[in-house]
Protein backbone atom coordinates (compact mmCIF):
# COMPACT_ATOMS: atom_id res chain seq x y z
CA MET A 1 0.00 0.00 0.00
CA LEU A 2 1.28 3.47 -0.88
CA ALA A 3 1.75 5.97 1.92
CA VAL A 4 -0.81 8.34 0.40
CA GLU A 5 -3.39 5.53 0.28
CA ARG A 6 -2.73 4.71 3.93
CA ARG A 7 -3.06 8.35 4.96
CA ASN A 8 -6.36 8.65 3.10
CA MET A 9 -7.63 5.57 4.92
CA ILE A 10 -6.52 7.13 8.21
CA LEU A 11 -8.48 10.26 7.26
CA GLU A 12 -11.55 8.16 6.51
CA LYS A 13 -11.25 6.59 9.94
CA LEU A 14 -10.90 10.05 11.49
CA GLN A 15 -14.02 11.18 9.63
CA ASP A 16 -15.97 8.29 11.13
CA GLU A 17 -14.51 8.10 14.63
CA LYS A 18 -13.06 11.63 15.17
CA LYS A 19 -9.87 10.18 16.68
CA VAL A 20 -7.29 7.46 16.01
CA VAL A 21 -4.70 5.62 18.12
CA VAL A 22 -1.18 4.91 16.86
CA SER A 23 -1.03 1.34 18.18
CA GLU A 24 -4.37 0.43 16.62
CA LEU A 25 -3.40 1.91 13.25
CA SER A 26 -0.07 0.08 13.35
CA ALA A 27 -1.86 -3.24 13.80
CA LEU A 28 -4.53 -2.39 11.20
CA PHE A 29 -2.07 -1.48 8.44
CA GLU A 30 0.68 -3.89 9.54
CA VAL A 31 3.34 -1.19 9.67
CA SER A 32 5.50 0.13 12.49
CA GLU A 33 4.23 2.68 14.98
CA GLU A 34 6.98 5.02 13.76
CA THR A 35 5.50 4.85 10.23
CA ILE A 36 2.08 5.75 11.61
CA ARG A 37 3.56 8.66 13.57
CA ARG A 38 5.12 9.99 10.36
CA ASP A 39 1.69 9.70 8.66
CA LEU A 40 0.07 11.63 11.51
CA ASP A 41 2.87 14.22 11.41
CA LYS A 42 2.11 14.86 7.73
CA LEU A 43 -1.65 15.08 8.33
CA ASP A 44 -0.98 17.49 11.19
CA ARG A 45 1.25 19.70 9.01
CA GLU A 46 -1.44 19.76 6.32
CA GLY A 47 -4.02 20.85 8.88
CA LEU A 48 -6.19 17.77 8.38
CA ALA A 49 -5.62 16.30 11.85
CA THR A 50 -4.23 17.39 15.21
CA LYS A 51 -1.71 15.12 16.90
CA SER A 52 -2.51 14.10 20.46
CA TYR A 53 -0.84 11.81 22.96
CA GLY A 54 -0.74 8.36 21.38
CA GLY A 55 -2.73 9.32 18.30
CA ALA A 56 -4.58 12.17 16.61
CA ILE A 57 -7.98 13.85 16.43
CA LEU A 58 -9.84 15.19 13.40
CA ASN A 59 -9.46 18.86 12.58
CA GLU A 60 -13.08 19.89 12.10
CA ASN A 61 -12.29 23.45 11.05
CA THR A 62 -14.62 24.20 8.11
CA SER A 63 -11.81 26.08 6.38
CA ILE A 64 -9.89 22.82 5.96
CA ASP A 65 -10.90 20.67 3.02
CA MET A 66 -10.26 16.94 2.87
CA PRO A 67 -8.72 15.28 -0.22
CA PHE A 68 -11.22 14.36 -2.93
CA ASN A 69 -11.01 10.60 -2.34
CA VAL A 70 -11.93 11.10 1.31
CA ARG A 71 -14.73 13.64 0.72
CA LYS A 72 -16.50 11.52 -1.89
CA LYS A 73 -17.36 8.91 0.76
CA ARG A 74 -19.13 11.39 3.04
CA ASN A 75 -22.95 11.42 3.04
CA MET A 76 -23.12 9.34 -0.14
CA ARG A 77 -26.86 8.84 0.24
CA GLY A 78 -27.45 12.57 0.44
CA LYS A 79 -25.38 13.17 -2.69
CA GLN A 80 -27.42 10.55 -4.57
CA VAL A 81 -30.64 12.32 -3.56
CA ILE A 82 -29.27 15.65 -4.77
CA ALA A 83 -28.01 14.06 -8.00
CA GLU A 84 -31.45 12.68 -8.84
CA LEU A 85 -33.09 16.05 -8.18
CA VAL A 86 -30.58 17.97 -10.29
CA ALA A 87 -30.78 15.40 -13.10
CA GLY A 88 -34.49 16.15 -13.30
CA LEU A 89 -33.69 19.80 -14.06
CA ILE A 90 -31.43 19.09 -17.04
CA ARG A 91 -32.88 18.80 -20.56
CA GLU A 92 -31.55 16.97 -23.58
CA GLY A 93 -29.07 19.03 -25.57
CA GLU A 94 -28.27 21.54 -22.84
CA HIS A 95 -24.84 22.95 -22.11
CA ILE A 96 -23.94 22.67 -18.43
CA ILE A 97 -20.96 23.66 -16.29
CA VAL A 98 -20.05 21.54 -13.26
CA ASP A 99 -17.43 22.17 -10.61
CA PRO A 100 -14.87 19.72 -9.16
CA SER A 101 -16.99 18.73 -6.16
CA THR A 102 -17.81 15.17 -5.15
CA THR A 103 -21.49 16.10 -5.54
CA ALA A 104 -20.84 16.96 -9.21
CA VAL A 105 -19.54 13.44 -9.82
CA SER A 106 -22.78 11.98 -8.44
CA ILE A 107 -24.77 14.37 -10.63
CA VAL A 108 -23.05 13.43 -13.90
CA LYS A 109 -23.52 9.75 -13.05
CA ALA A 110 -27.26 10.38 -12.72
CA LEU A 111 -27.25 12.26 -16.03
CA LYS A 112 -25.83 9.38 -18.04
CA VAL A 113 -29.35 8.38 -19.12
CA ARG A 114 -29.40 11.50 -21.29
CA LYS A 115 -28.50 10.98 -24.95
CA ARG A 116 -27.00 14.36 -25.67
CA LEU A 117 -25.39 16.95 -23.38
CA THR A 118 -22.40 19.26 -23.36
CA VAL A 119 -20.48 19.28 -20.08
CA ILE A 120 -17.81 21.87 -19.27
CA THR A 121 -15.78 21.13 -16.16
CA ASN A 122 -12.51 21.61 -14.31
CA SER A 123 -12.95 18.27 -12.54
CA ILE A 124 -10.59 15.43 -13.47
CA GLU A 125 -12.95 12.96 -11.80
CA VAL A 126 -15.90 14.16 -13.90
CA LEU A 127 -13.80 13.89 -17.07
CA VAL A 128 -12.86 10.30 -16.19
CA GLU A 129 -16.44 9.43 -15.25
CA LEU A 130 -17.74 10.64 -18.62
CA ALA A 131 -14.87 9.28 -20.73
CA ASP A 132 -16.97 6.37 -22.05
CA VAL A 133 -20.21 8.30 -22.70
CA ASN A 134 -21.30 8.41 -26.36
CA GLY A 135 -23.04 11.39 -27.98
CA TRP A 136 -21.89 13.99 -25.44
CA ASP A 137 -19.41 16.82 -25.79
CA ILE A 138 -17.08 16.80 -22.78
CA ILE A 139 -14.95 19.94 -22.46
CA SER A 140 -12.09 20.49 -20.02
CA THR A 141 -11.40 24.03 -18.87
CA GLY A 142 -7.67 23.43 -18.75
CA GLY A 143 -5.63 24.85 -15.91
CA THR A 144 -3.22 23.76 -13.21
CA LEU A 145 -3.86 20.46 -11.43
CA ARG A 146 -4.32 20.89 -7.66
CA GLU A 147 -2.70 18.05 -5.75
CA ASN A 148 -5.12 15.67 -3.96
CA TYR A 149 -8.18 17.52 -5.27
CA LEU A 150 -8.45 16.25 -8.86
CA ALA A 151 -9.29 19.81 -9.88
CA LEU A 152 -7.93 22.23 -12.48
CA VAL A 153 -7.53 25.77 -11.16
CA GLY A 154 -5.70 29.02 -11.83
CA PRO A 155 -5.85 31.65 -14.60
CA LYS A 156 -6.00 29.09 -17.43
CA ALA A 157 -9.02 27.36 -15.85
CA MET A 158 -10.79 30.70 -15.43
CA GLU A 159 -9.96 31.68 -19.00
CA GLY A 160 -11.25 28.33 -20.24
CA VAL A 161 -14.58 28.74 -18.44
CA SER A 162 -14.97 32.33 -19.66
CA SER A 163 -15.00 31.27 -23.30
CA PHE A 164 -18.37 29.50 -22.94
CA HIS A 165 -22.01 30.47 -22.37
CA ALA A 166 -23.92 27.61 -20.74
CA ASP A 167 -27.56 26.98 -19.96
CA LYS A 168 -26.90 25.96 -16.36
CA VAL A 169 -24.02 25.94 -13.90
CA ILE A 170 -24.08 23.48 -10.99
CA LEU A 171 -21.84 24.28 -8.05
CA SER A 172 -21.24 22.99 -4.56
CA CYS A 173 -19.46 24.65 -1.65
CA LYS A 174 -18.11 24.19 1.85
CA GLY A 175 -20.53 26.52 3.61
CA ILE A 176 -23.76 28.43 3.10
CA ASP A 177 -24.66 31.19 5.54
CA MET A 178 -27.34 33.90 5.47
CA LYS A 179 -24.88 36.68 6.34
CA LYS A 180 -21.59 35.43 4.90
CA GLY A 181 -23.04 33.89 1.73
CA ILE A 182 -21.49 30.96 -0.10
CA THR A 183 -17.95 30.01 0.89
CA ASP A 184 -15.29 27.44 0.07
CA ALA A 185 -12.12 26.18 1.72
CA ASN A 186 -9.74 27.39 -0.96
CA GLU A 187 -9.36 30.71 -2.77
CA MET A 188 -8.38 29.10 -6.08
CA PHE A 189 -11.57 27.03 -6.10
CA SER A 190 -13.64 30.09 -5.25
CA GLN A 191 -12.13 32.11 -8.11
CA VAL A 192 -12.99 29.47 -10.72
CA LYS A 193 -16.51 29.10 -9.32
CA GLN A 194 -17.03 32.86 -9.44
CA THR A 195 -16.14 32.73 -13.13
CA MET A 196 -18.50 29.80 -13.69
CA LEU A 197 -21.39 31.75 -12.18
CA LYS A 198 -20.91 34.49 -14.79
CA CYS A 199 -21.10 32.04 -17.69
CA ALA A 200 -24.55 30.44 -17.32
CA LYS A 201 -28.19 31.49 -17.59
CA LYS A 202 -29.31 29.52 -14.51
CA ARG A 203 -27.17 29.09 -11.40
CA ILE A 204 -27.78 26.06 -9.21
CA LEU A 205 -26.16 25.43 -5.82
CA ALA A 206 -26.14 21.71 -4.96
CA VAL A 207 -25.30 21.15 -1.28
CA ASP A 208 -26.17 18.57 1.35
CA TYR A 209 -27.69 19.50 4.69
CA THR A 210 -24.31 19.57 6.49
CA LYS A 211 -23.24 22.73 4.62
CA PHE A 212 -25.99 24.97 6.01
CA ASP A 213 -24.93 27.59 8.59
CA ASN A 214 -21.24 26.90 7.93
CA VAL A 215 -18.70 29.55 6.93
CA ALA A 216 -15.47 28.52 5.22
CA PHE A 217 -12.31 30.51 4.47
CA SER A 218 -12.91 31.89 0.97
CA ARG A 219 -16.03 33.70 -0.21
CA ILE A 220 -17.53 32.65 -3.53
CA CYS A 221 -20.55 34.96 -3.71
CA GLU A 222 -23.64 36.30 -2.01
CA LEU A 223 -26.63 34.00 -1.90
CA SER A 224 -28.43 36.43 -4.21
CA ALA A 225 -26.09 35.27 -7.01
CA ILE A 226 -27.82 31.86 -6.96
CA ASP A 227 -31.15 31.06 -8.63
CA MET A 228 -31.80 27.69 -7.00
CA VAL A 229 -30.59 25.58 -4.07
CA VAL A 230 -30.88 21.80 -4.32
CA THR A 231 -30.33 19.84 -1.12
CA ASP A 232 -31.04 16.40 0.34
CA ILE A 233 -33.14 17.37 3.36
CA ARG A 234 -35.68 20.15 3.81
CA PRO A 235 -33.92 23.18 5.35
CA SER A 236 -35.24 24.81 8.51
CA GLU A 237 -38.21 27.16 8.39
CA GLU A 238 -35.81 30.06 8.86
CA TRP A 239 -33.94 29.02 5.74
CA MET A 240 -37.11 28.37 3.74
CA ASN A 241 -38.42 31.84 4.66
CA TYR A 242 -35.07 33.34 3.71
CA PHE A 243 -35.13 31.67 0.29
CA ALA A 244 -38.69 32.84 -0.30
CA GLU A 245 -37.77 36.40 0.67
CA LYS A 246 -34.77 36.42 -1.68
CA GLY A 247 -36.59 34.76 -4.57
CA ILE A 248 -34.36 31.67 -4.49
CA GLU A 249 -35.98 28.37 -5.41
CA CYS A 250 -35.29 25.47 -3.04
CA LEU A 251 -35.62 21.87 -4.11
CA TYR A 252 -35.14 19.14 -1.50
CA GLY A 253 -35.54 15.41 -1.23
CA LYS A 254 -36.58 14.75 2.35
CA THR A 255 -38.49 16.40 5.15
CA ASP A 256 -37.12 17.07 8.63
CA GLU A 257 -38.68 13.83 9.89
CA ASP A 258 -36.47 11.89 7.46
CA ASN A 259 -33.28 13.53 8.74
CA SER A 260 -32.20 10.41 10.59
CA LEU A 261 -31.95 8.56 7.26
CA CYS A 262 -28.89 10.60 6.32
CA GLU A 263 -27.07 10.39 9.67
């Protein structure tokens, strides 16, 4: 097993259990405790975990974003619900822009029943997922590959997005807050998403229930820049009233009573 694979598995365990113990990880991965300590040192330096006596705890700061391969396993059921809802909004022949989120990968999987679409993306994972689809036009934005995120960012990615005019853009984010707006963990991601929002007629924010009332490091936009929010569980009455007041459509898959299904 490669060291990066082992560290991602440690992160997955941290996501589930919030803490890990060196001796237990050593036995689980059949490596020395010193190797595990070096793994935890690296995760600590990257801000993904905080070392503690004999182990580490998860860094739950919303400004820290986990690697793509770890994030894609979080709330998979919720992402499937969102994907089905968004797929119902897309028509044959449309041009859509999708971001490099794990939710976007679920959405394009749900869209594979369509015979003809044009997809513009800066997501390596989306490009791979759609590599075997016939009858579609799949367009990469270009840009600089961001390590561990399977995303293309930077000036070239922004320039690539700017050359198109799409019917719909579908974005996700790290946090959505009534006062602070829509935020992400990384400035480079936010910059590309800001460009995407300018290049489509309809702007859709696809986020699961865990993103509500969170504020991350980098601001993408005000909520007023979004036309529709698609989520897995019905937001609170405060949020529903807010959306109605701002003229933002909200599409959701479950009511509050079903919340336990996504825990």
